[in-house]
Structure formats: structure tokens, C-alpha cells
């Protein structure tokens, strides 16, 4: 009697896992991916040792800068900018 219960438990577990595998193969279970989409909107650039960014502007050039987030925090209102010559 113990052998039949043991066999039923093992077969039930195998059936559950086989069903999960079938659902994963058919695509019914969504998968996670760490890949970036092909239309990557981010650019990597070098930082100075202190974490600042060196920017050189051409004379009489206007640059439109829109900052939405800094360090994971939303920028609401004004952001102080230090300009050095």
C-alpha cells in the first residue's frame, strides 16, 4: 500500500512539472529578459573621478537640456547647475 501511494506522489509531481515545461515551451508562460530593446535610448559616456561630466560647448551654440531623473529621483522644479570656465 505504501508503494502505491509513493508511486502516485512521484507520478503526480512528474505530471505537474511536465505540464509546466509544456506551458513554457508553447509560450503561454511569459519569460523575463534582461536584454535591451533594439531601439536603445541610452548612451554611455565617461565620468570624471568625482562623478561629474566634462562638457565642452562651441561658442554661440544653444543646447536644449531636459532632465527627468537624477540618481533614480524625479527632478521636479529647478535643478542647480554649476558652470565653470
PDB file of N, CA and C in Angstrom:
ATOM      1  N   UNK A   1       0.815  -1.190   0.000  1.00  0.00           N
ATOM      2  CA  UNK A   1       0.000   0.000   0.000  1.00  0.00           C
ATOM      3  C   UNK A   1       0.861   1.257   0.000  1.00  0.00           C
ATOM      4  N   UNK A   2       1.971   1.247   0.763  1.00  0.00           N
ATOM      5  CA  UNK A   2       2.863   2.399   0.797  1.00  0.00           C
ATOM      6  C   UNK A   2       3.499   2.629  -0.567  1.00  0.00           C
ATOM      7  N   UNK A   3       3.803   1.542  -1.258  1.00  0.00           N
ATOM      8  CA  UNK A   3       4.435   1.669  -2.558  1.00  0.00           C
ATOM      9  C   UNK A   3       3.505   2.347  -3.562  1.00  0.00           C
ATOM     10  N   UNK A   4       2.227   2.071  -3.516  1.00  0.00           N
ATOM     11  CA  UNK A   4       1.265   2.676  -4.437  1.00  0.00           C
ATOM     12  C   UNK A   4       1.127   4.168  -4.146  1.00  0.00           C
ATOM     13  N   UNK A   5       1.062   4.551  -2.869  1.00  0.00           N
ATOM     14  CA  UNK A   5       0.981   5.965  -2.511  1.00  0.00           C
ATOM     15  C   UNK A   5       2.252   6.705  -2.963  1.00  0.00           C
ATOM     16  N   UNK A   6       3.401   6.086  -2.721  1.00  0.00           N
ATOM     17  CA  UNK A   6       4.675   6.688  -3.131  1.00  0.00           C
ATOM     18  C   UNK A   6       4.699   6.869  -4.654  1.00  0.00           C
ATOM     19  N   UNK A   7       4.292   5.844  -5.390  1.00  0.00           N
ATOM     20  CA  UNK A   7       4.260   5.905  -6.849  1.00  0.00           C
ATOM     21  C   UNK A   7       3.301   6.998  -7.331  1.00  0.00           C
ATOM     22  N   UNK A   8       2.137   7.118  -6.715  1.00  0.00           N
ATOM     23  CA  UNK A   8       1.167   8.154  -7.089  1.00  0.00           C
ATOM     24  C   UNK A   8       1.722   9.555  -6.830  1.00  0.00           C
ATOM     25  N   UNK A   9       2.399   9.748  -5.721  1.00  0.00           N
ATOM     26  CA  UNK A   9       3.000  11.051  -5.405  1.00  0.00           C
ATOM     27  C   UNK A   9       4.069  11.396  -6.438  1.00  0.00           C
ATOM     28  N   UNK A  10       4.943  10.474  -6.738  1.00  0.00           N
ATOM     29  CA  UNK A  10       6.017  10.708  -7.709  1.00  0.00           C
ATOM     30  C   UNK A  10       5.434  10.998  -9.091  1.00  0.00           C
ATOM     31  N   UNK A  11       4.461  10.226  -9.523  1.00  0.00           N
ATOM     32  CA  UNK A  11       3.844  10.446 -10.835  1.00  0.00           C
ATOM     33  C   UNK A  11       3.107  11.785 -10.888  1.00  0.00           C
ATOM     34  N   UNK A  12       2.476  12.186  -9.795  1.00  0.00           N
ATOM     35  CA  UNK A  12       1.793  13.478  -9.751  1.00  0.00           C
ATOM     36  C   UNK A  12       2.789  14.621  -9.877  1.00  0.00           C
ATOM     37  N   UNK A  13       3.885  14.545  -9.152  1.00  0.00           N
ATOM     38  CA  UNK A  13       4.927  15.579  -9.230  1.00  0.00           C
ATOM     39  C   UNK A  13       5.500  15.660 -10.639  1.00  0.00           C
ATOM     40  N   UNK A  14       5.764  14.506 -11.232  1.00  0.00           N
ATOM     41  CA  UNK A  14       6.307  14.489 -12.600  1.00  0.00           C
ATOM     42  C   UNK A  14       5.309  15.088 -13.587  1.00  0.00           C
ATOM     43  N   UNK A  15       4.025  14.806 -13.408  1.00  0.00           N
ATOM     44  CA  UNK A  15       2.992  15.346 -14.294  1.00  0.00           C
ATOM     45  C   UNK A  15       2.904  16.861 -14.177  1.00  0.00           C
ATOM     46  N   UNK A  16       2.980  17.368 -12.962  1.00  0.00           N
ATOM     47  CA  UNK A  16       2.928  18.823 -12.754  1.00  0.00           C
ATOM     48  C   UNK A  16       4.108  19.499 -13.445  1.00  0.00           C
ATOM     49  N   UNK A  17       5.311  18.969 -13.235  1.00  0.00           N
ATOM     50  CA  UNK A  17       6.490  19.581 -13.857  1.00  0.00           C
ATOM     51  C   UNK A  17       6.471  19.438 -15.377  1.00  0.00           C
ATOM     52  N   UNK A  18       5.990  18.330 -15.881  1.00  0.00           N
ATOM     53  CA  UNK A  18       5.870  18.161 -17.329  1.00  0.00           C
ATOM     54  C   UNK A  18       4.884  19.172 -17.904  1.00  0.00           C
ATOM     55  N   UNK A  19       3.781  19.410 -17.195  1.00  0.00           N
ATOM     56  CA  UNK A  19       2.822  20.424 -17.642  1.00  0.00           C
ATOM     57  C   UNK A  19       3.437  21.814 -17.647  1.00  0.00           C
ATOM     58  N   UNK A  20       4.231  22.154 -16.633  1.00  0.00           N
ATOM     59  CA  UNK A  20       4.908  23.458 -16.595  1.00  0.00           C
ATOM     60  C   UNK A  20       5.879  23.588 -17.761  1.00  0.00           C
ATOM     61  N   UNK A  21       6.607  22.531 -18.058  1.00  0.00           N
ATOM     62  CA  UNK A  21       7.561  22.561 -19.185  1.00  0.00           C
ATOM     63  C   UNK A  21       6.818  22.775 -20.495  1.00  0.00           C
ATOM     64  N   UNK A  22       5.703  22.090 -20.687  1.00  0.00           N
ATOM     65  CA  UNK A  22       4.919  22.244 -21.919  1.00  0.00           C
ATOM     66  C   UNK A  22       4.404  23.680 -22.041  1.00  0.00           C
ATOM     67  N   UNK A  23       3.900  24.256 -20.947  1.00  0.00           N
ATOM     68  CA  UNK A  23       3.419  25.638 -20.979  1.00  0.00           C
ATOM     69  C   UNK A  23       4.554  26.618 -21.297  1.00  0.00           C
ATOM     70  N   UNK A  24       5.734  26.362 -20.775  1.00  0.00           N
ATOM     71  CA  UNK A  24       6.871  27.242 -21.041  1.00  0.00           C
ATOM     72  C   UNK A  24       7.318  27.144 -22.502  1.00  0.00           C
ATOM     73  N   UNK A  25       7.315  25.948 -23.053  1.00  0.00           N
ATOM     74  CA  UNK A  25       7.744  25.762 -24.446  1.00  0.00           C
ATOM     75  C   UNK A  25       6.755  26.403 -25.416  1.00  0.00           C
ATOM     76  N   UNK A  26       5.474  26.291 -25.125  1.00  0.00           N
ATOM     77  CA  UNK A  26       4.472  26.849 -26.027  1.00  0.00           C
ATOM     78  C   UNK A  26       4.358  28.366 -25.908  1.00  0.00           C
ATOM     79  N   UNK A  27       4.977  28.958 -24.886  1.00  0.00           N
ATOM     80  CA  UNK A  27       4.961  30.411 -24.745  1.00  0.00           C
ATOM     81  C   UNK A  27       3.787  30.934 -23.948  1.00  0.00           C
ATOM     82  N   UNK A  28       3.028  30.063 -23.312  1.00  0.00           N
ATOM     83  CA  UNK A  28       1.888  30.515 -22.515  1.00  0.00           C
ATOM     84  C   UNK A  28       2.337  31.128 -21.183  1.00  0.00           C
ATOM     85  N   UNK A  29       3.545  30.782 -20.732  1.00  0.00           N
ATOM     86  CA  UNK A  29       4.115  31.393 -19.530  1.00  0.00           C
ATOM     87  C   UNK A  29       5.073  32.487 -20.011  1.00  0.00           C
ATOM     88  N   UNK A  30       4.856  33.751 -19.630  1.00  0.00           N
ATOM     89  CA  UNK A  30       5.738  34.819 -20.095  1.00  0.00           C
ATOM     90  C   UNK A  30       7.147  34.662 -19.515  1.00  0.00           C
ATOM     91  N   UNK A  31       8.126  35.015 -20.317  1.00  0.00           N
ATOM     92  CA  UNK A  31       9.508  34.909 -19.872  1.00  0.00           C
ATOM     93  C   UNK A  31      10.092  36.298 -19.656  1.00  0.00           C
ATOM     94  N   UNK A  32      11.050  36.400 -18.763  1.00  0.00           N
ATOM     95  CA  UNK A  32      11.727  37.664 -18.482  1.00  0.00           C
ATOM     96  C   UNK A  32      13.033  37.697 -19.256  1.00  0.00           C
ATOM     97  N   UNK A  33      13.412  38.880 -19.690  1.00  0.00           N
ATOM     98  CA  UNK A  33      14.653  39.034 -20.438  1.00  0.00           C
ATOM     99  C   UNK A  33      15.367  40.292 -19.967  1.00  0.00           C
ATOM    100  N   UNK A  34      16.676  40.191 -19.798  1.00  0.00           N
ATOM    101  CA  UNK A  34      17.464  41.345 -19.363  1.00  0.00           C
ATOM    102  C   UNK A  34      18.042  42.099 -20.549  1.00  0.00           C
ATOM    103  N   UNK A  35      17.703  41.701 -21.754  1.00  0.00           N
ATOM    104  CA  UNK A  35      18.226  42.359 -22.948  1.00  0.00           C
ATOM    105  C   UNK A  35      17.540  43.700 -23.149  1.00  0.00           C
ATOM    106  N   UNK A  36      18.295  44.653 -23.661  1.00  0.00           N
ATOM    107  CA  UNK A  36      17.739  45.951 -24.009  1.00  0.00           C
ATOM    108  C   UNK A  36      17.055  45.831 -25.369  1.00  0.00           C
ATOM    109  N   UNK A  37      15.991  46.570 -25.583  1.00  0.00           N
ATOM    110  CA  UNK A  37      15.371  46.541 -26.911  1.00  0.00           C
ATOM    111  C   UNK A  37      16.315  47.125 -27.961  1.00  0.00           C
ATOM    112  N   UNK A  38      16.040  46.817 -29.212  1.00  0.00           N
ATOM    113  CA  UNK A  38      16.914  47.268 -30.303  1.00  0.00           C
ATOM    114  C   UNK A  38      16.979  48.789 -30.382  1.00  0.00           C
ATOM    115  N   UNK A  39      15.912  49.478 -30.025  1.00  0.00           N
ATOM    116  CA  UNK A  39      15.902  50.943 -30.064  1.00  0.00           C
ATOM    117  C   UNK A  39      16.341  51.479 -28.704  1.00  0.00           C
ATOM    118  N   UNK A  40      17.612  51.312 -28.403  1.00  0.00           N
ATOM    119  CA  UNK A  40      18.172  51.731 -27.120  1.00  0.00           C
ATOM    120  C   UNK A  40      18.190  53.251 -27.035  1.00  0.00           C
ATOM    121  N   UNK A  41      17.605  53.823 -25.984  1.00  0.00           N
ATOM    122  CA  UNK A  41      17.525  55.263 -25.830  1.00  0.00           C
ATOM    123  C   UNK A  41      18.582  55.811 -24.881  1.00  0.00           C
ATOM    124  N   UNK A  42      19.529  54.996 -24.459  1.00  0.00           N
ATOM    125  CA  UNK A  42      20.535  55.412 -23.502  1.00  0.00           C
ATOM    126  C   UNK A  42      21.915  55.401 -24.151  1.00  0.00           C
ATOM    127  N   UNK A  43      22.767  56.295 -23.678  1.00  0.00           N
ATOM    128  CA  UNK A  43      24.125  56.397 -24.195  1.00  0.00           C
ATOM    129  C   UNK A  43      25.084  56.308 -23.021  1.00  0.00           C
ATOM    130  N   UNK A  44      26.165  55.592 -23.194  1.00  0.00           N
ATOM    131  CA  UNK A  44      27.185  55.522 -22.155  1.00  0.00           C
ATOM    132  C   UNK A  44      28.262  56.543 -22.459  1.00  0.00           C
ATOM    133  N   UNK A  45      28.739  57.225 -21.413  1.00  0.00           N
ATOM    134  CA  UNK A  45      29.796  58.203 -21.582  1.00  0.00           C
ATOM    135  C   UNK A  45      30.661  58.190 -20.330  1.00  0.00           C
ATOM    136  N   UNK A  46      31.920  58.608 -20.475  1.00  0.00           N
ATOM    137  CA  UNK A  46      32.843  58.542 -19.333  1.00  0.00           C
ATOM    138  C   UNK A  46      32.542  59.605 -18.285  1.00  0.00           C
ATOM    139  N   UNK A  47      32.684  59.232 -17.019  1.00  0.00           N
ATOM    140  CA  UNK A  47      32.533  60.154 -15.900  1.00  0.00           C
ATOM    141  C   UNK A  47      33.908  60.491 -15.345  1.00  0.00           C
ATOM    142  N   UNK A  48      34.032  61.677 -14.775  1.00  0.00           N
ATOM    143  CA  UNK A  48      35.251  62.040 -14.065  1.00  0.00           C
ATOM    144  C   UNK A  48      35.312  61.265 -12.760  1.00  0.00           C
ATOM    145  N   UNK A  49      36.477  61.313 -12.094  1.00  0.00           N
ATOM    146  CA  UNK A  49      36.647  60.552 -10.855  1.00  0.00           C
ATOM    147  C   UNK A  49      35.661  60.987  -9.771  1.00  0.00           C
ATOM    148  N   UNK A  50      35.275  62.260  -9.788  1.00  0.00           N
ATOM    149  CA  UNK A  50      34.344  62.756  -8.775  1.00  0.00           C
ATOM    150  C   UNK A  50      32.880  62.565  -9.173  1.00  0.00           C
ATOM    151  N   UNK A  51      32.621  61.928 -10.311  1.00  0.00           N
ATOM    152  CA  UNK A  51      31.263  61.666 -10.753  1.00  0.00           C
ATOM    153  C   UNK A  51      30.684  62.737 -11.650  1.00  0.00           C
ATOM    154  N   UNK A  52      31.465  63.789 -11.940  1.00  0.00           N
ATOM    155  CA  UNK A  52      30.978  64.856 -12.798  1.00  0.00           C
ATOM    156  C   UNK A  52      31.206  64.511 -14.269  1.00  0.00           C
ATOM    157  N   UNK A  53      30.630  65.306 -15.138  1.00  0.00           N
ATOM    158  CA  UNK A  53      30.750  65.104 -16.575  1.00  0.00           C
ATOM    159  C   UNK A  53      31.401  66.342 -17.175  1.00  0.00           C
ATOM    160  N   UNK A  54      32.412  66.153 -18.001  1.00  0.00           N
ATOM    161  CA  UNK A  54      33.060  67.267 -18.677  1.00  0.00           C
ATOM    162  C   UNK A  54      32.305  67.564 -19.966  1.00  0.00           C
ATOM    163  N   UNK A  55      31.844  68.824 -20.109  1.00  0.00           N
ATOM    164  CA  UNK A  55      31.098  69.240 -21.291  1.00  0.00           C
ATOM    165  C   UNK A  55      31.791  70.439 -21.896  1.00  0.00           C
ATOM    166  N   UNK A  56      32.076  70.361 -23.196  1.00  0.00           N
ATOM    167  CA  UNK A  56      32.675  71.486 -23.910  1.00  0.00           C
ATOM    168  C   UNK A  56      31.665  71.981 -24.941  1.00  0.00           C
ATOM    169  N   UNK A  57      31.338  73.275 -24.867  1.00  0.00           N
ATOM    170  CA  UNK A  57      30.366  73.865 -25.775  1.00  0.00           C
ATOM    171  C   UNK A  57      31.072  74.750 -26.791  1.00  0.00           C
ATOM    172  N   UNK A  58      30.584  74.706 -28.016  1.00  0.00           N
ATOM    173  CA  UNK A  58      31.095  75.593 -29.057  1.00  0.00           C
ATOM    174  C   UNK A  58      30.530  76.994 -28.813  1.00  0.00           C
ATOM    175  N   UNK A  59      31.250  78.047 -29.187  1.00  0.00           N
ATOM    176  CA  UNK A  59      30.742  79.409 -28.986  1.00  0.00           C
ATOM    177  C   UNK A  59      29.428  79.620 -29.745  1.00  0.00           C
ATOM    178  N   UNK A  60      28.520  80.365 -29.124  1.00  0.00           N
ATOM    179  CA  UNK A  60      27.220  80.715 -29.708  1.00  0.00           C
ATOM    180  C   UNK A  60      26.361  79.488 -30.037  1.00  0.00           C
ATOM    181  N   UNK A  61      26.512  78.447 -29.286  1.00  0.00           N
ATOM    182  CA  UNK A  61      25.724  77.234 -29.523  1.00  0.00           C
ATOM    183  C   UNK A  61      24.680  77.095 -28.415  1.00  0.00           C
ATOM    184  N   UNK A  62      23.455  76.810 -28.783  1.00  0.00           N
ATOM    185  CA  UNK A  62      22.375  76.622 -27.820  1.00  0.00           C
ATOM    186  C   UNK A  62      22.065  75.136 -27.722  1.00  0.00           C
ATOM    187  N   UNK A  63      21.967  74.638 -26.493  1.00  0.00           N
ATOM    188  CA  UNK A  63      21.674  73.226 -26.265  1.00  0.00           C
ATOM    189  C   UNK A  63      20.419  73.123 -25.410  1.00  0.00           C
ATOM    190  N   UNK A  64      19.464  72.334 -25.860  1.00  0.00           N
ATOM    191  CA  UNK A  64      18.239  72.089 -25.115  1.00  0.00           C
ATOM    192  C   UNK A  64      18.473  70.881 -24.209  1.00  0.00           C
ATOM    193  N   UNK A  65      18.372  71.080 -22.895  1.00  0.00           N
ATOM    194  CA  UNK A  65      18.618  70.010 -21.933  1.00  0.00           C
ATOM    195  C   UNK A  65      17.348  69.785 -21.123  1.00  0.00           C
ATOM    196  N   UNK A  66      16.827  68.576 -21.172  1.00  0.00           N
ATOM    197  CA  UNK A  66      15.654  68.199 -20.384  1.00  0.00           C
ATOM    198  C   UNK A  66      16.040  67.031 -19.485  1.00  0.00           C
ATOM    199  N   UNK A  67      16.046  67.257 -18.172  1.00  0.00           N
ATOM    200  CA  UNK A  67      16.408  66.215 -17.219  1.00  0.00           C
ATOM    201  C   UNK A  67      15.143  65.770 -16.506  1.00  0.00           C
ATOM    202  N   UNK A  68      14.830  64.487 -16.618  1.00  0.00           N
ATOM    203  CA  UNK A  68      13.644  63.935 -15.968  1.00  0.00           C
ATOM    204  C   UNK A  68      13.978  63.270 -14.647  1.00  0.00           C
ATOM    205  N   UNK A  69      15.195  62.697 -14.546  1.00  0.00           N
ATOM    206  CA  UNK A  69      15.525  61.894 -13.391  1.00  0.00           C
ATOM    207  C   UNK A  69      17.012  61.985 -13.110  1.00  0.00           C
ATOM    208  N   UNK A  70      17.378  62.078 -11.825  1.00  0.00           N
ATOM    209  CA  UNK A  70      18.776  62.084 -11.414  1.00  0.00           C
ATOM    210  C   UNK A  70      18.926  61.088 -10.280  1.00  0.00           C
ATOM    211  N   UNK A  71      19.761  60.082 -10.496  1.00  0.00           N
ATOM    212  CA  UNK A  71      20.002  59.088  -9.460  1.00  0.00           C
ATOM    213  C   UNK A  71      18.754  58.334  -9.024  1.00  0.00           C
ATOM    214  N   UNK A  72      17.813  58.166  -9.915  1.00  0.00           N
ATOM    215  CA  UNK A  72      16.597  57.436  -9.592  1.00  0.00           C
ATOM    216  C   UNK A  72      15.496  58.301  -8.993  1.00  0.00           C
ATOM    217  N   UNK A  73      15.774  59.597  -8.791  1.00  0.00           N
ATOM    218  CA  UNK A  73      14.784  60.500  -8.211  1.00  0.00           C
ATOM    219  C   UNK A  73      14.314  61.477  -9.271  1.00  0.00           C
ATOM    220  N   UNK A  74      13.029  61.736  -9.289  1.00  0.00           N
ATOM    221  CA  UNK A  74      12.443  62.654 -10.250  1.00  0.00           C
ATOM    222  C   UNK A  74      12.891  64.076  -9.948  1.00  0.00           C
ATOM    223  N   UNK A  75      13.167  64.851 -11.003  1.00  0.00           N
ATOM    224  CA  UNK A  75      13.546  66.249 -10.835  1.00  0.00           C
ATOM    225  C   UNK A  75      12.319  67.096 -11.072  1.00  0.00           C
ATOM    226  N   UNK A  76      11.762  67.603 -10.007  1.00  0.00           N
ATOM    227  CA  UNK A  76      10.576  68.443 -10.097  1.00  0.00           C
ATOM    228  C   UNK A  76      10.988  69.859  -9.741  1.00  0.00           C
ATOM    229  N   UNK A  77      10.828  70.757 -10.671  1.00  0.00           N
ATOM    230  CA  UNK A  77      11.225  72.149 -10.417  1.00  0.00           C
ATOM    231  C   UNK A  77      12.593  72.442 -11.007  1.00  0.00           C
ATOM    232  N   UNK A  78      13.373  73.239 -10.307  1.00  0.00           N
ATOM    233  CA  UNK A  78      14.671  73.674 -10.826  1.00  0.00           C
ATOM    234  C   UNK A  78      15.790  72.783 -10.314  1.00  0.00           C
ATOM    235  N   UNK A  79      16.802  72.625 -11.142  1.00  0.00           N
ATOM    236  CA  UNK A  79      17.988  71.874 -10.794  1.00  0.00           C
ATOM    237  C   UNK A  79      19.175  72.830 -10.858  1.00  0.00           C
ATOM    238  N   UNK A  80      19.931  72.999  -9.747  1.00  0.00           N
ATOM    239  CA  UNK A  80      21.068  73.913  -9.793  1.00  0.00           C
ATOM    240  C   UNK A  80      22.176  73.377 -10.692  1.00  0.00           C
ATOM    241  N   UNK A  81      22.733  74.243 -11.529  1.00  0.00           N
ATOM    242  CA  UNK A  81      23.806  73.848 -12.445  1.00  0.00           C
ATOM    243  C   UNK A  81      24.975  74.791 -12.210  1.00  0.00           C
ATOM    244  N   UNK A  82      26.163  74.211 -11.981  1.00  0.00           N
ATOM    245  CA  UNK A  82      27.370  74.999 -11.769  1.00  0.00           C
ATOM    246  C   UNK A  82      28.153  75.025 -13.077  1.00  0.00           C
ATOM    247  N   UNK A  83      28.395  76.224 -13.622  1.00  0.00           N
ATOM    248  CA  UNK A  83      29.118  76.372 -14.885  1.00  0.00           C
ATOM    249  C   UNK A  83      30.486  76.965 -14.583  1.00  0.00           C
ATOM    250  N   UNK A  84      31.528  76.265 -14.999  1.00  0.00           N
ATOM    251  CA  UNK A  84      32.906  76.731 -14.799  1.00  0.00           C
ATOM    252  C   UNK A  84      33.541  77.020 -16.142  1.00  0.00           C
ATOM    253  N   UNK A  85      34.416  78.032 -16.170  1.00  0.00           N
ATOM    254  CA  UNK A  85      35.134  78.345 -17.416  1.00  0.00           C
ATOM    255  C   UNK A  85      36.483  77.705 -17.435  1.00  0.00           C
TER     256      UNK A  85
END
